[in-house]
Amino acid sequence: MLSVLNAAREDAAMGGISEERVMTLRERLTSMHGDDRREAAASLKEAADQNPKLLSSLAFGALLTAAGSNRDDVDFVRTCLESVQIAVEAPTEQAISVEICRAVVDGQHINSLLELLEESDWGIRYACLRIMSALIPSFLPSLQTAVLANPVGLQRLMDMLGDSREIIRNEVLVLLNSATRDNEHLQQFLGFSNAFGSLLEVISEEDMIADSVVVDDCVAIIRNLLENSTSNQNLFRENGNVQLLSSLIESKGEQAL
């Protein structure tokens, strides 16, 4: 962590926000005054744009904790999460350290993100999903474990498939496509939680369009759930889902001619 902070200090010395400024703003996230908290969060969001390494090394945990503790202030929560999102999605040359990402996955922060999915605000849901997706390349097993350890974690993600806003539904499909790979416990839980029905419903809403990224993601998730899982294969067949999926394949084949 010290090496990351030193690198961030060097970047800050070249211009932009200072370490002292970030630390001051971090303290203001717990202010008793809503306007002060919101102003601090907005300034930290600007800091994330300027120096994601400095922001992440000094304020990552504080931002996520503040978001989870002030759920009645939608604008504040959204800004906190967007600050974290900007940092985790920073370009390679500005990417935050592996150790900071590990702290997010291994701590209680994934639980906070899953709980915040209860909020109906699209910006909050979108930022939560994007943050978790950004952790997948380096921390997929840890993320899978954290989601499974949460009593309602997977159900929260599945609930996002019913969001009428395509940006949310599509983002959770991307997340589930990666998260359902090579994890037997996760596959079985989703298989017996009507995941097949939900995914096929999304496919039907897309009218089984050829070359649809949404349809492709749904089919990829179904494949992940069926692979090496006899119980899911039996469930899929017994519920009559084979016929509908066959229709999808035929439809795409005809449109490709």
C-alpha atoms as a PDB file:
ATOM      1  CA  MET A   1       0.000   0.000   0.000  1.00  0.00           C
ATOM      2  CA  LEU A   2       2.881   2.367   0.807  1.00  0.00           C
ATOM      3  CA  SER A   3       4.347   2.019  -2.690  1.00  0.00           C
ATOM      4  CA  VAL A   4       0.952   2.852  -4.205  1.00  0.00           C
ATOM      5  CA  LEU A   5       0.604   5.912  -2.008  1.00  0.00           C
ATOM      6  CA  ASN A   6       4.119   7.071  -2.879  1.00  0.00           C
ATOM      7  CA  ALA A   7       3.338   6.759  -6.586  1.00  0.00           C
ATOM      8  CA  ALA A   8       0.126   8.670  -6.092  1.00  0.00           C
ATOM      9  CA  ARG A   9       1.990  11.389  -4.219  1.00  0.00           C
ATOM     10  CA  GLU A  10       4.404  11.744  -7.126  1.00  0.00           C
ATOM     11  CA  ASP A  11       1.485  12.125  -9.522  1.00  0.00           C
ATOM     12  CA  ALA A  12      -0.133  14.696  -7.261  1.00  0.00           C
ATOM     13  CA  ALA A  13       3.098  16.670  -7.049  1.00  0.00           C
ATOM     14  CA  MET A  14       3.014  17.073 -10.829  1.00  0.00           C
ATOM     15  CA  GLY A  15      -0.321  18.889 -10.619  1.00  0.00           C
ATOM     16  CA  GLY A  16      -3.911  18.287  -9.653  1.00  0.00           C
ATOM     17  CA  ILE A  17      -5.356  17.486  -6.262  1.00  0.00           C
ATOM     18  CA  SER A  18      -3.107  17.043  -3.238  1.00  0.00           C
ATOM     19  CA  GLU A  19      -2.963  14.268  -0.664  1.00  0.00           C
ATOM     20  CA  GLU A  20      -3.958  16.684   2.081  1.00  0.00           C
ATOM     21  CA  ARG A  21      -6.979  17.815   0.090  1.00  0.00           C
ATOM     22  CA  VAL A  22      -8.191  14.252  -0.418  1.00  0.00           C
ATOM     23  CA  MET A  23      -7.788  13.483   3.267  1.00  0.00           C
ATOM     24  CA  THR A  24      -9.769  16.587   4.217  1.00  0.00           C
ATOM     25  CA  LEU A  25     -12.552  15.689   1.806  1.00  0.00           C
ATOM     26  CA  ARG A  26     -12.565  12.126   3.128  1.00  0.00           C
ATOM     27  CA  GLU A  27     -13.220  13.401   6.652  1.00  0.00           C
ATOM     28  CA  ARG A  28     -16.074  15.584   5.415  1.00  0.00           C
ATOM     29  CA  LEU A  29     -17.894  12.490   4.097  1.00  0.00           C
ATOM     30  CA  THR A  30     -19.008  11.893   7.690  1.00  0.00           C
ATOM     31  CA  SER A  31     -20.161  15.464   8.281  1.00  0.00           C
ATOM     32  CA  MET A  32     -23.476  15.961  10.071  1.00  0.00           C
ATOM     33  CA  HIS A  33     -24.464  18.428   7.366  1.00  0.00           C
ATOM     34  CA  GLY A  34     -25.832  16.947   4.142  1.00  0.00           C
ATOM     35  CA  ASP A  35     -24.648  19.790   1.937  1.00  0.00           C
ATOM     36  CA  ASP A  36     -21.116  19.419   3.270  1.00  0.00           C
ATOM     37  CA  ARG A  37     -21.141  15.667   2.613  1.00  0.00           C
ATOM     38  CA  ARG A  38     -22.447  16.132  -0.913  1.00  0.00           C
ATOM     39  CA  GLU A  39     -19.875  18.807  -1.696  1.00  0.00           C
ATOM     40  CA  ALA A  40     -17.071  16.562  -0.419  1.00  0.00           C
ATOM     41  CA  ALA A  41     -18.315  13.632  -2.508  1.00  0.00           C
ATOM     42  CA  ALA A  42     -18.490  15.804  -5.628  1.00  0.00           C
ATOM     43  CA  SER A  43     -14.927  17.018  -5.059  1.00  0.00           C
ATOM     44  CA  LEU A  44     -13.686  13.448  -4.556  1.00  0.00           C
ATOM     45  CA  LYS A  45     -15.332  12.499  -7.839  1.00  0.00           C
ATOM     46  CA  GLU A  46     -13.265  15.220  -9.510  1.00  0.00           C
ATOM     47  CA  ALA A  47     -10.216  13.836  -7.697  1.00  0.00           C
ATOM     48  CA  ALA A  48     -10.928  10.394  -9.129  1.00  0.00           C
ATOM     49  CA  ASP A  49     -10.739  11.894 -12.615  1.00  0.00           C
ATOM     50  CA  GLN A  50      -7.518  13.716 -11.849  1.00  0.00           C
ATOM     51  CA  ASN A  51      -5.671  11.072  -9.851  1.00  0.00           C
ATOM     52  CA  PRO A  52      -7.438   7.715  -9.430  1.00  0.00           C
ATOM     53  CA  LYS A  53      -4.460   6.198  -7.608  1.00  0.00           C
ATOM     54  CA  LEU A  54      -4.438   8.889  -4.941  1.00  0.00           C
ATOM     55  CA  LEU A  55      -8.207   8.775  -4.548  1.00  0.00           C
ATOM     56  CA  SER A  56      -8.245   4.983  -4.234  1.00  0.00           C
ATOM     57  CA  SER A  57      -5.330   4.786  -1.809  1.00  0.00           C
ATOM     58  CA  LEU A  58      -6.819   7.334   0.575  1.00  0.00           C
ATOM     59  CA  ALA A  59     -10.591   7.334   0.165  1.00  0.00           C
ATOM     60  CA  PHE A  60     -11.841   4.075  -1.371  1.00  0.00           C
ATOM     61  CA  GLY A  61     -13.098   2.535   1.839  1.00  0.00           C
ATOM     62  CA  ALA A  62     -14.493   5.831   3.124  1.00  0.00           C
ATOM     63  CA  LEU A  63     -16.521   6.374  -0.056  1.00  0.00           C
ATOM     64  CA  LEU A  64     -18.039   2.893  -0.008  1.00  0.00           C
ATOM     65  CA  THR A  65     -18.771   3.095   3.714  1.00  0.00           C
ATOM     66  CA  ALA A  66     -20.367   6.519   3.319  1.00  0.00           C
ATOM     67  CA  ALA A  67     -22.530   5.253   0.452  1.00  0.00           C
ATOM     68  CA  GLY A  68     -23.821   2.377   2.545  1.00  0.00           C
ATOM     69  CA  SER A  69     -24.476   4.573   5.578  1.00  0.00           C
ATOM     70  CA  ASN A  70     -26.455   7.327   3.861  1.00  0.00           C
ATOM     71  CA  ARG A  71     -28.930   5.477   1.673  1.00  0.00           C
ATOM     72  CA  ASP A  72     -31.614   8.079   2.213  1.00  0.00           C
ATOM     73  CA  ASP A  73     -29.498  10.620   0.281  1.00  0.00           C
ATOM     74  CA  VAL A  74     -29.653   9.286  -3.282  1.00  0.00           C
ATOM     75  CA  ASP A  75     -27.512  11.997  -4.871  1.00  0.00           C
ATOM     76  CA  PHE A  76     -24.782  11.564  -2.284  1.00  0.00           C
ATOM     77  CA  VAL A  77     -24.733   7.762  -2.604  1.00  0.00           C
ATOM     78  CA  ARG A  78     -24.625   7.953  -6.393  1.00  0.00           C
ATOM     79  CA  THR A  79     -21.719  10.400  -6.353  1.00  0.00           C
ATOM     80  CA  CYS A  80     -19.726   8.262  -3.902  1.00  0.00           C
ATOM     81  CA  LEU A  81     -20.192   5.174  -6.053  1.00  0.00           C
ATOM     82  CA  GLU A  82     -19.400   7.013  -9.278  1.00  0.00           C
ATOM     83  CA  SER A  83     -16.123   8.166  -7.713  1.00  0.00           C
ATOM     84  CA  VAL A  84     -15.160   4.567  -7.010  1.00  0.00           C
ATOM     85  CA  GLN A  85     -16.321   3.496 -10.469  1.00  0.00           C
ATOM     86  CA  ILE A  86     -14.128   6.104 -12.153  1.00  0.00           C
ATOM     87  CA  ALA A  87     -11.108   4.862 -10.209  1.00  0.00           C
ATOM     88  CA  VAL A  88     -11.597   1.134 -10.863  1.00  0.00           C
ATOM     89  CA  GLU A  89     -12.183   1.805 -14.560  1.00  0.00           C
ATOM     90  CA  ALA A  90      -9.165   4.087 -14.921  1.00  0.00           C
ATOM     91  CA  PRO A  91      -6.914   3.567 -17.986  1.00  0.00           C
ATOM     92  CA  THR A  92      -4.099   1.053 -17.591  1.00  0.00           C
ATOM     93  CA  GLU A  93      -1.424   3.661 -16.964  1.00  0.00           C
ATOM     94  CA  GLN A  94      -3.500   5.071 -14.109  1.00  0.00           C
ATOM     95  CA  ALA A  95      -4.878   1.774 -12.829  1.00  0.00           C
ATOM     96  CA  ILE A  96      -5.176   1.362  -9.088  1.00  0.00           C
ATOM     97  CA  SER A  97      -3.241  -1.364  -7.348  1.00  0.00           C
ATOM     98  CA  VAL A  98      -4.162  -5.007  -6.966  1.00  0.00           C
ATOM     99  CA  GLU A  99      -3.931  -4.679  -3.188  1.00  0.00           C
ATOM    100  CA  ILE A 100      -6.591  -1.974  -3.098  1.00  0.00           C
ATOM    101  CA  CYS A 101      -8.941  -4.032  -5.289  1.00  0.00           C
ATOM    102  CA  ARG A 102      -8.343  -7.031  -3.052  1.00  0.00           C
ATOM    103  CA  ALA A 103      -9.344  -4.997  -0.006  1.00  0.00           C
ATOM    104  CA  VAL A 104     -12.639  -4.172  -1.726  1.00  0.00           C
ATOM    105  CA  VAL A 105     -13.369  -7.814  -2.557  1.00  0.00           C
ATOM    106  CA  ASP A 106     -12.214  -9.352   0.708  1.00  0.00           C
ATOM    107  CA  GLY A 107     -13.858  -6.821   3.018  1.00  0.00           C
ATOM    108  CA  GLN A 108     -17.495  -5.959   3.590  1.00  0.00           C
ATOM    109  CA  HIS A 109     -17.676  -3.672   0.576  1.00  0.00           C
ATOM    110  CA  ILE A 110     -19.162  -6.281  -1.785  1.00  0.00           C
ATOM    111  CA  ASN A 111     -21.966  -6.737   0.731  1.00  0.00           C
ATOM    112  CA  SER A 112     -22.548  -2.980   0.668  1.00  0.00           C
ATOM    113  CA  LEU A 113     -22.686  -2.964  -3.124  1.00  0.00           C
ATOM    114  CA  LEU A 114     -25.166  -5.842  -3.162  1.00  0.00           C
ATOM    115  CA  GLU A 115     -27.337  -4.154  -0.553  1.00  0.00           C
ATOM    116  CA  LEU A 116     -27.305  -0.894  -2.509  1.00  0.00           C
ATOM    117  CA  LEU A 117     -28.822  -2.726  -5.483  1.00  0.00           C
ATOM    118  CA  GLU A 118     -32.078  -2.466  -3.515  1.00  0.00           C
ATOM    119  CA  GLU A 119     -32.178   1.216  -4.388  1.00  0.00           C
ATOM    120  CA  SER A 120     -34.270   1.967  -7.466  1.00  0.00           C
ATOM    121  CA  ASP A 121     -32.056   4.799  -8.707  1.00  0.00           C
ATOM    122  CA  TRP A 122     -30.501   3.725 -12.004  1.00  0.00           C
ATOM    123  CA  GLY A 123     -27.205   5.525 -11.310  1.00  0.00           C
ATOM    124  CA  ILE A 124     -26.692   3.674  -8.027  1.00  0.00           C
ATOM    125  CA  ARG A 125     -27.493   0.294  -9.552  1.00  0.00           C
ATOM    126  CA  TYR A 126     -25.343   0.936 -12.602  1.00  0.00           C
ATOM    127  CA  ALA A 127     -22.306   2.037 -10.575  1.00  0.00           C
ATOM    128  CA  CYS A 128     -22.588  -0.982  -8.232  1.00  0.00           C
ATOM    129  CA  LEU A 129     -22.674  -3.387 -11.178  1.00  0.00           C
ATOM    130  CA  ARG A 130     -19.811  -1.652 -12.983  1.00  0.00           C
ATOM    131  CA  ILE A 131     -17.605  -1.711  -9.886  1.00  0.00           C
ATOM    132  CA  MET A 132     -18.152  -5.447  -9.422  1.00  0.00           C
ATOM    133  CA  SER A 133     -17.567  -6.110 -13.123  1.00  0.00           C
ATOM    134  CA  ALA A 134     -14.278  -4.199 -12.982  1.00  0.00           C
ATOM    135  CA  LEU A 135     -13.036  -6.561 -10.263  1.00  0.00           C
ATOM    136  CA  ILE A 136     -13.702  -9.729 -12.280  1.00  0.00           C
ATOM    137  CA  PRO A 137     -10.524  -9.919 -14.420  1.00  0.00           C
ATOM    138  CA  SER A 138      -8.233 -10.201 -11.381  1.00  0.00           C
ATOM    139  CA  PHE A 139     -10.562 -11.343  -8.602  1.00  0.00           C
ATOM    140  CA  LEU A 140     -13.275 -13.573 -10.063  1.00  0.00           C
ATOM    141  CA  PRO A 141     -12.968 -16.391  -7.452  1.00  0.00           C
ATOM    142  CA  SER A 142     -12.955 -13.886  -4.583  1.00  0.00           C
ATOM    143  CA  LEU A 143     -15.954 -12.047  -6.014  1.00  0.00           C
ATOM    144  CA  GLN A 144     -17.851 -15.320  -6.469  1.00  0.00           C
ATOM    145  CA  THR A 145     -17.124 -16.268  -2.862  1.00  0.00           C
ATOM    146  CA  ALA A 146     -18.236 -12.867  -1.570  1.00  0.00           C
ATOM    147  CA  VAL A 147     -21.502 -12.994  -3.527  1.00  0.00           C
ATOM    148  CA  LEU A 148     -22.255 -16.544  -2.372  1.00  0.00           C
ATOM    149  CA  ALA A 149     -21.513 -15.610   1.242  1.00  0.00           C
ATOM    150  CA  ASN A 150     -24.209 -12.945   1.137  1.00  0.00           C
ATOM    151  CA  PRO A 151     -27.588 -14.586   1.933  1.00  0.00           C
ATOM    152  CA  VAL A 152     -29.373 -12.579  -0.752  1.00  0.00           C
ATOM    153  CA  GLY A 153     -26.456 -11.654  -3.018  1.00  0.00           C
ATOM    154  CA  LEU A 154     -27.309 -13.795  -6.010  1.00  0.00           C
ATOM    155  CA  GLN A 155     -31.008 -13.048  -5.743  1.00  0.00           C
ATOM    156  CA  ARG A 156     -30.235  -9.327  -5.816  1.00  0.00           C
ATOM    157  CA  LEU A 157     -28.301  -9.798  -9.041  1.00  0.00           C
ATOM    158  CA  MET A 158     -31.081 -11.890 -10.547  1.00  0.00           C
ATOM    159  CA  ASP A 159     -33.623  -9.219  -9.595  1.00  0.00           C
ATOM    160  CA  MET A 160     -31.737  -6.787 -11.850  1.00  0.00           C
ATOM    161  CA  LEU A 161     -32.843  -8.833 -14.869  1.00  0.00           C
ATOM    162  CA  GLY A 162     -36.342  -7.555 -14.200  1.00  0.00           C
ATOM    163  CA  ASP A 163     -35.281  -3.912 -14.288  1.00  0.00           C
ATOM    164  CA  SER A 164     -37.181  -2.193 -17.095  1.00  0.00           C
ATOM    165  CA  ARG A 165     -34.132  -0.053 -17.908  1.00  0.00           C
ATOM    166  CA  GLU A 166     -32.018  -1.793 -20.516  1.00  0.00           C
ATOM    167  CA  ILE A 167     -28.785  -0.246 -19.270  1.00  0.00           C
ATOM    168  CA  ILE A 168     -29.205  -2.038 -15.917  1.00  0.00           C
ATOM    169  CA  ARG A 169     -30.437  -5.319 -17.375  1.00  0.00           C
ATOM    170  CA  ASN A 170     -27.629  -5.447 -19.922  1.00  0.00           C
ATOM    171  CA  GLU A 171     -24.966  -4.623 -17.340  1.00  0.00           C
ATOM    172  CA  VAL A 172     -26.051  -7.417 -14.999  1.00  0.00           C
ATOM    173  CA  LEU A 173     -25.992  -9.848 -17.946  1.00  0.00           C
ATOM    174  CA  VAL A 174     -22.356  -8.973 -18.560  1.00  0.00           C
ATOM    175  CA  LEU A 175     -21.597  -9.467 -14.874  1.00  0.00           C
ATOM    176  CA  LEU A 176     -23.452 -12.791 -14.620  1.00  0.00           C
ATOM    177  CA  ASN A 177     -21.795 -14.094 -17.782  1.00  0.00           C
ATOM    178  CA  SER A 178     -18.410 -13.813 -16.092  1.00  0.00           C
ATOM    179  CA  ALA A 179     -19.512 -14.636 -12.540  1.00  0.00           C
ATOM    180  CA  THR A 180     -21.195 -17.946 -13.482  1.00  0.00           C
ATOM    181  CA  ARG A 181     -18.059 -19.514 -14.922  1.00  0.00           C
ATOM    182  CA  ASP A 182     -16.530 -22.513 -13.179  1.00  0.00           C
ATOM    183  CA  ASN A 183     -18.374 -22.262  -9.867  1.00  0.00           C
ATOM    184  CA  GLU A 184     -20.577 -25.239  -9.097  1.00  0.00           C
ATOM    185  CA  HIS A 185     -22.273 -23.716  -6.042  1.00  0.00           C
ATOM    186  CA  LEU A 186     -23.194 -20.548  -7.873  1.00  0.00           C
ATOM    187  CA  GLN A 187     -24.431 -22.509 -10.883  1.00  0.00           C
ATOM    188  CA  GLN A 188     -26.684 -24.729  -8.772  1.00  0.00           C
ATOM    189  CA  PHE A 189     -28.132 -21.844  -6.796  1.00  0.00           C
ATOM    190  CA  LEU A 190     -29.060 -19.948  -9.935  1.00  0.00           C
ATOM    191  CA  GLY A 191     -30.387 -23.061 -11.637  1.00  0.00           C
ATOM    192  CA  PHE A 192     -32.888 -23.609  -8.820  1.00  0.00           C
ATOM    193  CA  SER A 193     -33.743 -19.905  -8.561  1.00  0.00           C
ATOM    194  CA  ASN A 194     -35.531 -19.746 -11.906  1.00  0.00           C
ATOM    195  CA  ALA A 195     -32.503 -18.278 -13.666  1.00  0.00           C
ATOM    196  CA  PHE A 196     -33.364 -20.233 -16.827  1.00  0.00           C
ATOM    197  CA  GLY A 197     -36.879 -18.799 -16.908  1.00  0.00           C
ATOM    198  CA  SER A 198     -35.628 -15.250 -16.351  1.00  0.00           C
ATOM    199  CA  LEU A 199     -32.967 -15.520 -19.031  1.00  0.00           C
ATOM    200  CA  LEU A 200     -35.315 -17.052 -21.592  1.00  0.00           C
ATOM    201  CA  GLU A 201     -37.823 -14.309 -20.857  1.00  0.00           C
ATOM    202  CA  VAL A 202     -35.179 -11.715 -21.692  1.00  0.00           C
ATOM    203  CA  ILE A 203     -34.447 -13.586 -24.918  1.00  0.00           C
ATOM    204  CA  SER A 204     -38.142 -13.574 -25.812  1.00  0.00           C
ATOM    205  CA  GLU A 205     -38.346  -9.825 -25.190  1.00  0.00           C
ATOM    206  CA  GLU A 206     -35.470  -9.397 -27.619  1.00  0.00           C
ATOM    207  CA  ASP A 207     -37.573 -11.289 -30.206  1.00  0.00           C
ATOM    208  CA  MET A 208     -34.712 -13.720 -30.598  1.00  0.00           C
ATOM    209  CA  ILE A 209     -32.861 -11.205 -32.773  1.00  0.00           C
ATOM    210  CA  ALA A 210     -29.856 -12.527 -34.643  1.00  0.00           C
ATOM    211  CA  ASP A 211     -26.567 -10.891 -33.679  1.00  0.00           C
ATOM    212  CA  SER A 212     -28.097  -9.454 -30.497  1.00  0.00           C
ATOM    213  CA  VAL A 213     -25.461  -8.982 -27.815  1.00  0.00           C
ATOM    214  CA  VAL A 214     -28.167  -9.368 -25.164  1.00  0.00           C
ATOM    215  CA  VAL A 215     -29.292 -12.720 -26.594  1.00  0.00           C
ATOM    216  CA  ASP A 216     -25.679 -13.875 -26.847  1.00  0.00           C
ATOM    217  CA  ASP A 217     -25.059 -12.982 -23.189  1.00  0.00           C
ATOM    218  CA  CYS A 218     -28.190 -14.848 -22.095  1.00  0.00           C
ATOM    219  CA  VAL A 219     -27.205 -17.947 -24.055  1.00  0.00           C
ATOM    220  CA  ALA A 220     -23.667 -17.766 -22.638  1.00  0.00           C
ATOM    221  CA  ILE A 221     -25.023 -17.665 -19.075  1.00  0.00           C
ATOM    222  CA  ILE A 222     -27.345 -20.603 -19.772  1.00  0.00           C
ATOM    223  CA  ARG A 223     -24.394 -22.537 -21.132  1.00  0.00           C
ATOM    224  CA  ASN A 224     -22.375 -21.719 -18.012  1.00  0.00           C
ATOM    225  CA  LEU A 225     -25.191 -22.993 -15.797  1.00  0.00           C
ATOM    226  CA  LEU A 226     -25.596 -26.226 -17.764  1.00  0.00           C
ATOM    227  CA  GLU A 227     -21.930 -27.067 -18.160  1.00  0.00           C
ATOM    228  CA  ASN A 228     -20.845 -29.970 -15.921  1.00  0.00           C
ATOM    229  CA  SER A 229     -24.097 -29.748 -13.899  1.00  0.00           C
ATOM    230  CA  THR A 230     -26.327 -32.800 -14.247  1.00  0.00           C
ATOM    231  CA  SER A 231     -28.927 -31.339 -11.888  1.00  0.00           C
ATOM    232  CA  ASN A 232     -29.222 -28.120 -13.917  1.00  0.00           C
ATOM    233  CA  GLN A 233     -29.366 -30.080 -17.164  1.00  0.00           C
ATOM    234  CA  ASN A 234     -32.245 -32.179 -15.838  1.00  0.00           C
ATOM    235  CA  LEU A 235     -34.035 -29.088 -14.544  1.00  0.00           C
ATOM    236  CA  PHE A 236     -33.617 -27.304 -17.868  1.00  0.00           C
ATOM    237  CA  ARG A 237     -35.020 -30.263 -19.781  1.00  0.00           C
ATOM    238  CA  GLU A 238     -37.897 -30.979 -17.384  1.00  0.00           C
ATOM    239  CA  ASN A 239     -39.102 -27.375 -17.542  1.00  0.00           C
ATOM    240  CA  GLY A 240     -39.423 -27.531 -21.325  1.00  0.00           C
ATOM    241  CA  ASN A 241     -36.686 -25.003 -21.975  1.00  0.00           C
ATOM    242  CA  VAL A 242     -34.950 -27.082 -24.645  1.00  0.00           C
ATOM    243  CA  GLN A 243     -37.698 -26.365 -27.182  1.00  0.00           C
ATOM    244  CA  LEU A 244     -37.564 -22.604 -26.670  1.00  0.00           C
ATOM    245  CA  LEU A 245     -33.796 -22.528 -26.919  1.00  0.00           C
ATOM    246  CA  SER A 246     -33.981 -24.629 -30.088  1.00  0.00           C
ATOM    247  CA  SER A 247     -36.356 -22.046 -31.564  1.00  0.00           C
ATOM    248  CA  LEU A 248     -33.803 -19.363 -30.777  1.00  0.00           C
ATOM    249  CA  ILE A 249     -31.053 -21.267 -32.562  1.00  0.00           C
ATOM    250  CA  GLU A 250     -33.265 -21.889 -35.599  1.00  0.00           C
ATOM    251  CA  SER A 251     -34.292 -18.244 -35.723  1.00  0.00           C
ATOM    252  CA  LYS A 252     -30.723 -17.035 -35.650  1.00  0.00           C
ATOM    253  CA  GLY A 253     -29.745 -19.600 -38.252  1.00  0.00           C
ATOM    254  CA  GLU A 254     -32.510 -18.525 -40.644  1.00  0.00           C
ATOM    255  CA  GLN A 255     -31.648 -14.845 -40.289  1.00  0.00           C
ATOM    256  CA  ALA A 256     -28.000 -15.575 -40.949  1.00  0.00           C
ATOM    257  CA  LEU A 257     -28.806 -17.083 -44.378  1.00  0.00           C
END
